[in-house]
Amino acid sequence: MEFHTIIKTVFEVALMGAFILSLGYFAVTAFAMVLSKLRNEPELITDVSLYPTVTVQIPTYNELAALHCATCCLDFDYPAEKLQIMIGDDSNQPEISARIDAFAADHPRIEISRRGDNAGFKPGNLNVMLPKATGDYLLILDSDFLPEKDFLKRLVVPVIKDPTLAGAQAAWKIINVHDNQSTLMGTGIVNIIHTVILPFLKAVTNSSVFCGSGELVKKSYLLELGGWTKGALTEDVDYSLRLITAGKRIAYVEDLQVKCEVPYTPRDLFRQQMRWAYGVMRAFMAHGGKLFLSRTIQKRTKFAAFCFGGGYVMITLLLLTSIFGLLNLVSGMFGLDPASAQSPTYTVGHFVYDTAVNLLLTCGMLVTSIAAGFINGFGFRSLGRLVVASLSIGVICMFFVGRGLVTAWLGLPMKWFMLRKAGNEQIVKG
């Protein structure tokens, strides 16, 4: 088979795969938009005697924003005797730890967990806090998350109604969405997950996955499964797949949102998405085989796991389409493809036309992001900016995601790195 024929074949297969997945995104998006109109009023249980004991865990690394998060938790409308609040301080800057200690001294209900290093990253921190937790459930909150006063008593509703649940995940609401193109793009990515994919999974499979923050985790199940996977860059997905394989379910509370941030610089957004891609790929490599090959796990549960990881399949196909589409163009320009060489207008008019058609055929994720923006109340002006961000920053981000996937697939390590958030920067300076 000639070189240009191989290029064309890979390009066409990737394009067809991306088109099929795009159709899936179109269908899921339409379903989610209908669901958004049918949401019931938030449910609340008033009998506080039914509330479970909860340990709030705020893992942090040189982030004074954790103090804002802890302040929100101190204000929870939840029985104080059933609530433990811990800050897991992995900071290597003494001035940061000193301010955290001063905060705890002013608020005796705050407990500090400290281990002296950042070994195993966030899951390593959580594992150290695990035996210190007195609650039956763990509420995991990243430092930039700002829960409302009634957040916890609404999040415990599913586990009160069904104690067999492995926990519950709240939706995320990005508060710095309009700061710049990077935050707009980051918000678009988060909205796809929390406004479209997870509500769809809940409706179809009556289950969900954990997302790393704003999650309520049943401690006994976590202990049974050996705790968090030390060093995992997406410990949430790793644990979710282990739970699903064990036959456990996670609730998704789509009508309960917790405020948080996305990275405000392109560099940090790219690194975040690369890290997420690496972590999700490693989690599926570790647990996917057992999950998908199991004869006892329901097909709809396997479908849910595929849907959650399907975004990375889509990005892989889009990358292949982009790379091999460009190679196909170059081969035509240099006469490696006789059919293209015979068409002198191919490199201009024909190529532009083909590119536009291919974009329309593979724009499922973009359409989903725009629809999620509508559901979350974006104006038309913001939606236009989102399209621009997706076709500029989003394209670059796609290659960083690809790098994360390839690095994970090759079994190479990836360095953990601190991501700056605007709130973290402001409180450190303040």
Protein backbone atom coordinates (compact mmCIF):
# COMPACT_ATOMS: atom_id res chain seq x y z
CA MET A 1 0.00 0.00 0.00
CA GLU A 2 1.39 3.39 -1.01
CA PHE A 3 2.17 6.07 1.57
CA HIS A 4 -0.57 8.49 0.52
CA THR A 5 -3.10 5.63 0.49
CA ILE A 6 -2.26 4.80 4.12
CA ILE A 7 -2.66 8.46 5.05
CA LYS A 8 -6.04 8.67 3.34
CA THR A 9 -7.27 5.45 4.94
CA VAL A 10 -6.35 6.52 8.48
CA PHE A 11 -7.86 9.95 7.88
CA GLU A 12 -11.14 8.57 6.54
CA VAL A 13 -11.48 5.98 9.34
CA ALA A 14 -10.80 8.62 12.00
CA LEU A 15 -13.22 11.02 10.33
CA MET A 16 -15.95 8.39 10.21
CA GLY A 17 -15.39 7.50 13.86
CA ALA A 18 -15.50 11.16 14.90
CA PHE A 19 -18.69 11.64 12.88
CA ILE A 20 -20.37 8.67 14.60
CA LEU A 21 -19.37 9.92 18.03
CA SER A 22 -20.57 13.41 17.09
CA LEU A 23 -23.98 11.96 16.34
CA GLY A 24 -23.89 10.45 19.82
CA TYR A 25 -23.05 13.83 21.31
CA PHE A 26 -25.92 15.42 19.40
CA ALA A 27 -28.35 12.84 20.81
CA VAL A 28 -27.05 13.11 24.37
CA THR A 29 -27.16 16.92 24.18
CA ALA A 30 -30.77 16.94 23.00
CA PHE A 31 -31.64 14.54 25.81
CA ALA A 32 -29.89 16.74 28.40
CA MET A 33 -31.67 19.89 27.20
CA VAL A 34 -35.03 18.15 27.66
CA LEU A 35 -33.96 16.95 31.11
CA SER A 36 -32.99 20.48 32.12
CA LYS A 37 -36.62 21.54 31.59
CA LEU A 38 -37.97 18.66 33.68
CA ARG A 39 -35.90 19.05 36.86
CA ASN A 40 -37.80 18.76 40.10
CA GLU A 41 -37.50 21.14 43.02
CA PRO A 42 -34.44 20.42 45.22
CA GLU A 43 -35.27 17.77 47.80
CA LEU A 44 -34.59 18.31 51.49
CA ILE A 45 -34.92 16.09 54.55
CA THR A 46 -35.88 18.09 57.65
CA ASP A 47 -35.44 15.36 60.24
CA VAL A 48 -31.85 16.06 61.37
CA SER A 49 -31.75 12.80 63.33
CA LEU A 50 -31.43 11.05 59.97
CA TYR A 51 -28.37 13.07 58.94
CA PRO A 52 -25.19 10.93 58.82
CA THR A 53 -21.93 11.95 60.45
CA VAL A 54 -19.67 13.67 57.93
CA THR A 55 -15.97 14.56 57.85
CA VAL A 56 -15.10 17.43 55.53
CA GLN A 57 -11.63 17.00 54.06
CA ILE A 58 -9.90 19.91 52.31
CA PRO A 59 -6.55 18.77 50.87
CA THR A 60 -4.30 21.72 50.11
CA TYR A 61 -0.80 22.49 48.89
CA ASN A 62 0.41 26.09 49.35
CA GLU A 63 -3.15 27.35 48.87
CA LEU A 64 -4.58 29.82 51.35
CA ALA A 65 -7.82 29.67 49.40
CA ALA A 66 -8.48 26.60 51.54
CA LEU A 67 -9.34 29.01 54.35
CA HIS A 68 -12.21 30.44 52.31
CA CYS A 69 -13.45 26.90 51.70
CA ALA A 70 -13.14 26.03 55.40
CA THR A 71 -15.04 29.19 56.35
CA CYS A 72 -17.91 28.11 54.11
CA CYS A 73 -17.91 24.70 55.82
CA LEU A 74 -18.03 26.29 59.27
CA ASP A 75 -21.23 28.02 58.14
CA PHE A 76 -22.94 24.78 57.09
CA ASP A 77 -26.54 24.46 58.28
CA TYR A 78 -25.73 21.01 59.65
CA PRO A 79 -25.63 19.59 63.20
CA ALA A 80 -22.23 20.53 64.63
CA GLU A 81 -21.99 17.27 66.58
CA LYS A 82 -22.23 15.35 63.28
CA LEU A 83 -19.65 17.42 61.43
CA GLN A 84 -15.84 17.23 61.48
CA ILE A 85 -13.79 19.68 59.38
CA MET A 86 -10.19 18.88 58.45
CA ILE A 87 -7.60 20.72 56.38
CA GLY A 88 -4.91 18.42 55.00
CA ASP A 89 -1.93 20.79 54.73
CA ASP A 90 0.85 19.49 52.46
CA SER A 91 2.36 22.97 52.07
CA ASN A 92 6.14 23.35 51.85
CA GLN A 93 5.98 27.10 52.50
CA PRO A 94 6.16 27.78 56.27
CA GLU A 95 4.32 31.10 55.98
CA ILE A 96 1.35 29.33 54.40
CA SER A 97 1.22 26.68 57.12
CA ALA A 98 1.55 29.37 59.78
CA ARG A 99 -1.52 31.19 58.47
CA ILE A 100 -3.46 27.92 58.32
CA ASP A 101 -2.49 27.24 61.93
CA ALA A 102 -3.57 30.74 62.96
CA PHE A 103 -6.93 30.19 61.26
CA ALA A 104 -7.38 26.91 63.14
CA ALA A 105 -6.48 28.61 66.42
CA ASP A 106 -9.26 31.15 65.81
CA HIS A 107 -11.70 28.38 64.84
CA PRO A 108 -11.31 25.42 67.24
CA ARG A 109 -13.61 23.21 65.14
CA ILE A 110 -10.95 23.10 62.40
CA GLU A 111 -8.51 20.19 62.61
CA ILE A 112 -5.18 20.22 60.79
CA SER A 113 -3.65 17.09 59.27
CA ARG A 114 0.00 17.44 58.25
CA ARG A 115 2.47 14.80 56.99
CA GLY A 116 5.56 16.81 56.05
CA ASP A 117 5.64 16.20 52.30
CA ASN A 118 3.45 15.82 49.21
CA ALA A 119 4.14 12.13 48.55
CA GLY A 120 1.42 10.50 46.49
CA PHE A 121 -0.08 13.93 45.75
CA LYS A 122 -3.75 14.53 46.62
CA PRO A 123 -4.71 10.85 47.16
CA GLY A 124 -1.68 10.46 49.42
CA ASN A 125 -2.94 13.40 51.47
CA LEU A 126 -6.45 11.96 51.61
CA ASN A 127 -5.14 8.56 52.72
CA VAL A 128 -3.34 10.17 55.65
CA MET A 129 -6.55 11.94 56.68
CA LEU A 130 -8.68 8.81 56.23
CA PRO A 131 -7.96 7.09 59.61
CA LYS A 132 -8.43 10.44 61.39
CA ALA A 133 -11.95 10.84 60.00
CA THR A 134 -14.77 10.26 62.49
CA GLY A 135 -17.63 10.62 60.00
CA ASP A 136 -19.42 7.81 58.20
CA TYR A 137 -19.07 9.90 55.04
CA LEU A 138 -16.28 12.08 53.67
CA LEU A 139 -17.00 15.36 51.92
CA ILE A 140 -14.01 16.06 49.67
CA LEU A 141 -13.54 19.69 48.66
CA ASP A 142 -10.67 21.20 46.70
CA SER A 143 -9.44 24.46 48.16
CA ASP A 144 -11.07 26.75 45.57
CA PHE A 145 -14.58 25.31 46.15
CA LEU A 146 -17.12 27.51 47.96
CA PRO A 147 -20.19 25.53 49.10
CA GLU A 148 -23.35 27.32 50.18
CA LYS A 149 -24.79 27.11 53.69
CA ASP A 150 -27.33 24.39 52.79
CA PHE A 151 -24.94 22.43 50.55
CA LEU A 152 -24.22 19.50 52.84
CA LYS A 153 -27.76 18.86 54.04
CA ARG A 154 -28.87 18.71 50.41
CA LEU A 155 -25.97 16.48 49.36
CA VAL A 156 -26.75 13.85 52.01
CA VAL A 157 -30.34 13.36 50.80
CA PRO A 158 -29.53 10.54 48.33
CA VAL A 159 -27.47 8.55 50.86
CA ILE A 160 -30.15 8.92 53.53
CA LYS A 161 -32.76 7.57 51.12
CA ASP A 162 -30.47 4.79 49.91
CA PRO A 163 -27.68 3.82 52.35
CA THR A 164 -26.29 1.30 49.82
CA LEU A 165 -25.01 4.16 47.65
CA ALA A 166 -21.25 4.66 47.56
CA GLY A 167 -21.81 8.39 47.77
CA ALA A 168 -23.08 11.43 45.90
CA GLN A 169 -21.58 13.97 43.52
CA ALA A 170 -22.71 17.59 43.26
CA ALA A 171 -22.61 19.68 40.09
CA TRP A 172 -19.92 22.34 39.61
CA LYS A 173 -20.68 26.00 38.93
CA ILE A 174 -17.72 27.99 37.58
CA ILE A 175 -17.53 31.51 39.02
CA ASN A 176 -14.70 32.95 36.89
CA VAL A 177 -16.18 31.89 33.56
CA HIS A 178 -16.05 35.35 31.92
CA ASP A 179 -12.53 36.39 32.99
CA ASN A 180 -10.85 35.54 29.68
CA GLN A 181 -10.80 33.05 26.81
CA SER A 182 -9.01 30.44 28.92
CA THR A 183 -11.61 30.48 31.69
CA LEU A 184 -14.38 30.42 29.09
CA MET A 185 -12.82 27.35 27.46
CA GLY A 186 -12.27 25.67 30.83
CA THR A 187 -15.88 26.34 31.76
CA GLY A 188 -17.05 24.84 28.48
CA ILE A 189 -15.19 21.62 29.28
CA VAL A 190 -16.62 21.44 32.82
CA ASN A 191 -20.13 22.18 31.54
CA ILE A 192 -20.00 19.28 29.09
CA ILE A 193 -19.39 16.92 32.01
CA HIS A 194 -21.66 18.39 34.66
CA THR A 195 -24.52 19.77 32.57
CA VAL A 196 -24.78 17.13 29.84
CA ILE A 197 -22.87 13.89 30.43
CA LEU A 198 -23.57 13.26 34.14
CA PRO A 199 -27.31 14.15 33.99
CA PHE A 200 -27.59 11.83 30.98
CA LEU A 201 -25.83 9.00 32.84
CA LYS A 202 -28.07 9.50 35.84
CA ALA A 203 -31.22 9.31 33.70
CA VAL A 204 -30.09 6.28 31.70
CA THR A 205 -28.14 4.25 34.27
CA ASN A 206 -29.24 5.72 37.64
CA SER A 207 -25.58 6.17 38.54
CA SER A 208 -22.67 8.57 38.19
CA VAL A 209 -18.95 8.96 38.87
CA PHE A 210 -17.00 11.04 41.35
CA CYS A 211 -15.35 14.20 40.04
CA GLY A 212 -12.68 14.88 42.67
CA SER A 213 -14.44 17.65 44.58
CA GLY A 214 -17.95 18.35 45.79
CA GLU A 215 -18.21 14.61 46.38
CA LEU A 216 -19.66 12.74 49.36
CA VAL A 217 -17.89 9.39 49.80
CA LYS A 218 -19.04 6.51 52.00
CA LYS A 219 -16.03 5.77 54.22
CA SER A 220 -16.70 2.06 54.82
CA TYR A 221 -16.70 1.27 51.08
CA LEU A 222 -13.51 3.28 50.59
CA LEU A 223 -11.80 1.31 53.37
CA GLU A 224 -13.03 -1.99 51.93
CA LEU A 225 -11.45 -1.14 48.57
CA GLY A 226 -8.12 -0.16 50.12
CA GLY A 227 -8.42 3.62 50.17
CA TRP A 228 -7.37 6.04 47.45
CA THR A 229 -4.81 4.94 44.86
CA LYS A 230 -1.63 6.70 45.92
CA GLY A 231 -0.11 8.83 43.18
CA ALA A 232 -3.19 8.73 40.93
CA LEU A 233 -3.60 12.03 39.10
CA THR A 234 -7.37 11.50 38.90
CA GLU A 235 -8.06 9.54 42.07
CA ASP A 236 -11.78 10.26 41.62
CA VAL A 237 -12.10 8.39 38.31
CA ASP A 238 -9.82 5.61 39.54
CA TYR A 239 -12.01 5.05 42.61
CA SER A 240 -15.23 5.38 40.60
CA LEU A 241 -14.16 2.59 38.24
CA ARG A 242 -13.24 0.40 41.21
CA LEU A 243 -16.66 1.05 42.73
CA ILE A 244 -18.50 0.32 39.48
CA THR A 245 -16.55 -2.92 39.08
CA ALA A 246 -17.56 -3.84 42.65
CA GLY A 247 -21.22 -3.29 41.79
CA LYS A 248 -21.65 0.00 43.70
CA ARG A 249 -23.59 3.08 42.60
CA ILE A 250 -22.92 6.81 42.96
CA ALA A 251 -25.72 9.40 42.96
CA TYR A 252 -25.54 12.62 40.97
CA VAL A 253 -27.32 15.66 42.43
CA GLU A 254 -27.66 17.86 39.36
CA ASP A 255 -29.85 20.46 41.08
CA LEU A 256 -27.13 21.15 43.67
CA GLN A 257 -24.22 23.26 42.43
CA VAL A 258 -21.01 24.16 44.25
CA LYS A 259 -19.04 27.22 43.20
CA CYS A 260 -15.46 26.77 42.02
CA GLU A 261 -12.87 28.07 39.56
CA VAL A 262 -11.07 26.96 36.43
CA PRO A 263 -7.43 27.90 35.63
CA TYR A 264 -7.15 31.46 34.37
CA THR A 265 -4.07 31.12 32.13
CA PRO A 266 -3.76 29.03 28.95
CA ARG A 267 -0.67 27.28 30.34
CA ASP A 268 -2.46 26.08 33.46
CA LEU A 269 -5.57 25.08 31.50
CA PHE A 270 -3.43 22.98 29.13
CA ARG A 271 -1.60 21.35 32.04
CA GLN A 272 -4.85 20.62 33.86
CA GLN A 273 -6.41 18.96 30.82
CA MET A 274 -3.21 17.00 30.11
CA ARG A 275 -3.18 15.78 33.71
CA TRP A 276 -6.86 14.81 33.59
CA ALA A 277 -6.32 12.92 30.31
CA TYR A 278 -3.32 11.09 31.75
CA GLY A 279 -5.16 10.17 34.95
CA VAL A 280 -8.32 8.97 33.22
CA MET A 281 -6.31 6.89 30.73
CA ARG A 282 -4.30 5.29 33.56
CA ALA A 283 -7.51 4.54 35.47
CA PHE A 284 -9.11 2.83 32.47
CA MET A 285 -5.90 0.92 31.77
CA ALA A 286 -5.87 -0.32 35.37
CA HIS A 287 -9.56 -1.17 35.79
CA GLY A 288 -11.26 -0.98 32.39
CA GLY A 289 -10.49 -4.52 31.33
CA LYS A 290 -12.04 -6.06 34.42
CA LEU A 291 -15.04 -3.75 34.14
CA PHE A 292 -15.84 -4.22 30.45
CA LEU A 293 -15.11 -7.97 30.39
CA SER A 294 -17.15 -8.74 33.49
CA ARG A 295 -20.24 -10.89 32.92
CA THR A 296 -21.93 -9.73 36.12
CA ILE A 297 -21.86 -5.98 35.51
CA GLN A 298 -24.89 -4.65 33.64
CA LYS A 299 -24.42 -3.46 30.08
CA ARG A 300 -25.87 -0.07 30.92
CA THR A 301 -23.22 0.34 33.63
CA LYS A 302 -20.50 -0.45 31.11
CA PHE A 303 -22.15 2.02 28.76
CA ALA A 304 -22.00 4.68 31.47
CA ALA A 305 -18.27 4.11 31.95
CA PHE A 306 -17.70 4.35 28.19
CA CYS A 307 -19.73 7.57 27.94
CA PHE A 308 -17.67 9.19 30.66
CA GLY A 309 -14.41 8.30 28.94
CA GLY A 310 -15.83 8.83 25.44
CA GLY A 311 -14.63 12.41 25.31
CA TYR A 312 -11.04 11.22 25.15
CA VAL A 313 -11.93 8.77 22.38
CA MET A 314 -13.44 11.71 20.50
CA ILE A 315 -10.36 13.87 21.02
CA THR A 316 -8.11 11.04 19.83
CA LEU A 317 -10.14 10.74 16.63
CA LEU A 318 -10.12 14.51 16.12
CA LEU A 319 -6.34 14.57 16.54
CA LEU A 320 -5.94 11.77 14.01
CA THR A 321 -8.28 13.58 11.64
CA SER A 322 -6.30 16.82 11.98
CA ILE A 323 -2.85 15.25 11.66
CA PHE A 324 -3.62 12.88 8.81
CA GLY A 325 -5.81 15.46 7.07
CA LEU A 326 -2.80 17.80 7.03
CA LEU A 327 -0.55 15.00 5.79
CA ASN A 328 -3.09 14.26 3.07
CA LEU A 329 -2.97 17.92 2.01
CA VAL A 330 0.84 17.95 1.96
CA SER A 331 1.00 14.71 -0.03
CA GLY A 332 -1.31 16.28 -2.60
CA MET A 333 0.74 19.49 -2.76
CA PHE A 334 3.95 17.55 -3.43
CA GLY A 335 2.39 15.20 -5.93
CA LEU A 336 2.49 12.09 -3.76
CA ASP A 337 -1.21 11.59 -4.46
CA PRO A 338 -1.85 11.53 -8.21
CA ALA A 339 -5.56 12.23 -7.77
CA SER A 340 -4.84 15.41 -5.83
CA ALA A 341 -2.03 16.44 -8.10
CA GLN A 342 -4.42 16.49 -11.07
CA SER A 343 -6.59 19.08 -9.30
CA PRO A 344 -4.71 22.40 -9.09
CA THR A 345 -7.48 24.05 -7.04
CA TYR A 346 -7.45 21.37 -4.36
CA THR A 347 -4.99 23.13 -2.08
CA VAL A 348 -7.16 26.25 -1.90
CA GLY A 349 -10.85 26.01 -2.67
CA HIS A 350 -11.27 22.28 -2.36
CA PHE A 351 -9.27 22.11 0.85
CA VAL A 352 -11.24 24.94 2.46
CA TYR A 353 -14.51 23.28 1.47
CA ASP A 354 -13.38 19.89 2.79
CA THR A 355 -12.22 21.44 6.05
CA ALA A 356 -15.58 23.15 6.58
CA VAL A 357 -17.47 19.94 5.84
CA ASN A 358 -15.25 17.91 8.15
CA LEU A 359 -15.70 20.46 10.92
CA LEU A 360 -19.47 20.21 10.61
CA LEU A 361 -19.27 16.41 10.66
CA THR A 362 -17.16 16.32 13.83
CA CYS A 363 -18.45 19.27 15.86
CA GLY A 364 -20.40 17.17 18.38
CA MET A 365 -18.38 18.26 21.42
CA LEU A 366 -18.58 21.92 20.39
CA VAL A 367 -22.36 21.71 20.00
CA THR A 368 -22.58 20.03 23.41
CA SER A 369 -20.52 22.81 24.99
CA ILE A 370 -22.73 25.49 23.40
CA ALA A 371 -25.90 23.72 24.54
CA ALA A 372 -24.50 23.42 28.08
CA GLY A 373 -23.86 27.16 27.95
CA PHE A 374 -27.52 27.77 27.10
CA ILE A 375 -28.62 25.56 29.99
CA ASN A 376 -26.36 27.51 32.35
CA GLY A 377 -27.66 30.87 31.20
CA PHE A 378 -24.92 32.07 28.85
CA GLY A 379 -25.84 35.04 26.68
CA PHE A 380 -25.43 34.93 22.92
CA ARG A 381 -22.33 37.10 23.19
CA SER A 382 -20.68 34.60 25.54
CA LEU A 383 -21.64 31.72 23.29
CA GLY A 384 -19.91 33.43 20.37
CA ARG A 385 -16.78 33.87 22.49
CA LEU A 386 -17.01 30.21 23.47
CA VAL A 387 -16.94 29.17 19.81
CA VAL A 388 -13.88 31.37 19.21
CA ALA A 389 -12.17 29.95 22.30
CA SER A 390 -12.95 26.39 21.21
CA LEU A 391 -11.49 26.92 17.75
CA SER A 392 -8.34 28.61 19.08
CA ILE A 393 -7.36 27.70 22.65
CA GLY A 394 -9.44 24.53 22.37
CA VAL A 395 -7.46 23.25 19.37
CA ILE A 396 -4.16 23.77 21.18
CA CYS A 397 -5.61 22.17 24.31
CA MET A 398 -6.56 19.13 22.25
CA PHE A 399 -2.90 18.43 21.51
CA PHE A 400 -1.99 18.63 25.21
CA VAL A 401 -4.78 16.15 25.92
CA GLY A 402 -3.29 13.90 23.26
CA ARG A 403 0.10 14.18 24.92
CA GLY A 404 -1.43 13.12 28.24
CA LEU A 405 -3.14 10.12 26.64
CA VAL A 406 0.01 8.95 24.83
CA THR A 407 2.16 9.42 27.93
CA ALA A 408 -0.26 7.31 29.95
CA TRP A 409 -0.55 4.66 27.23
CA LEU A 410 3.24 4.32 27.11
CA GLY A 411 3.33 3.87 30.88
CA LEU A 412 5.54 6.92 31.40
CA PRO A 413 5.26 8.97 34.60
CA MET A 414 3.77 12.45 34.66
CA LYS A 415 4.85 15.09 37.13
CA TRP A 416 2.18 16.56 39.39
CA PHE A 417 2.05 20.35 39.23
CA MET A 418 0.29 23.08 41.12
CA LEU A 419 -2.37 24.90 39.11
CA ARG A 420 -2.93 28.54 39.87
CA LYS A 421 -6.47 29.75 40.42
CA ALA A 422 -7.44 33.42 40.60
CA GLY A 423 -8.90 33.03 44.09
CA ASN A 424 -5.71 31.39 45.34
CA GLU A 425 -3.62 34.22 43.95
CA GLN A 426 -5.81 36.89 45.52
CA ILE A 427 -5.88 35.41 49.00
CA VAL A 428 -2.12 34.82 49.01
CA LYS A 429 -1.58 38.48 48.13
CA GLY A 430 -4.31 39.67 50.46
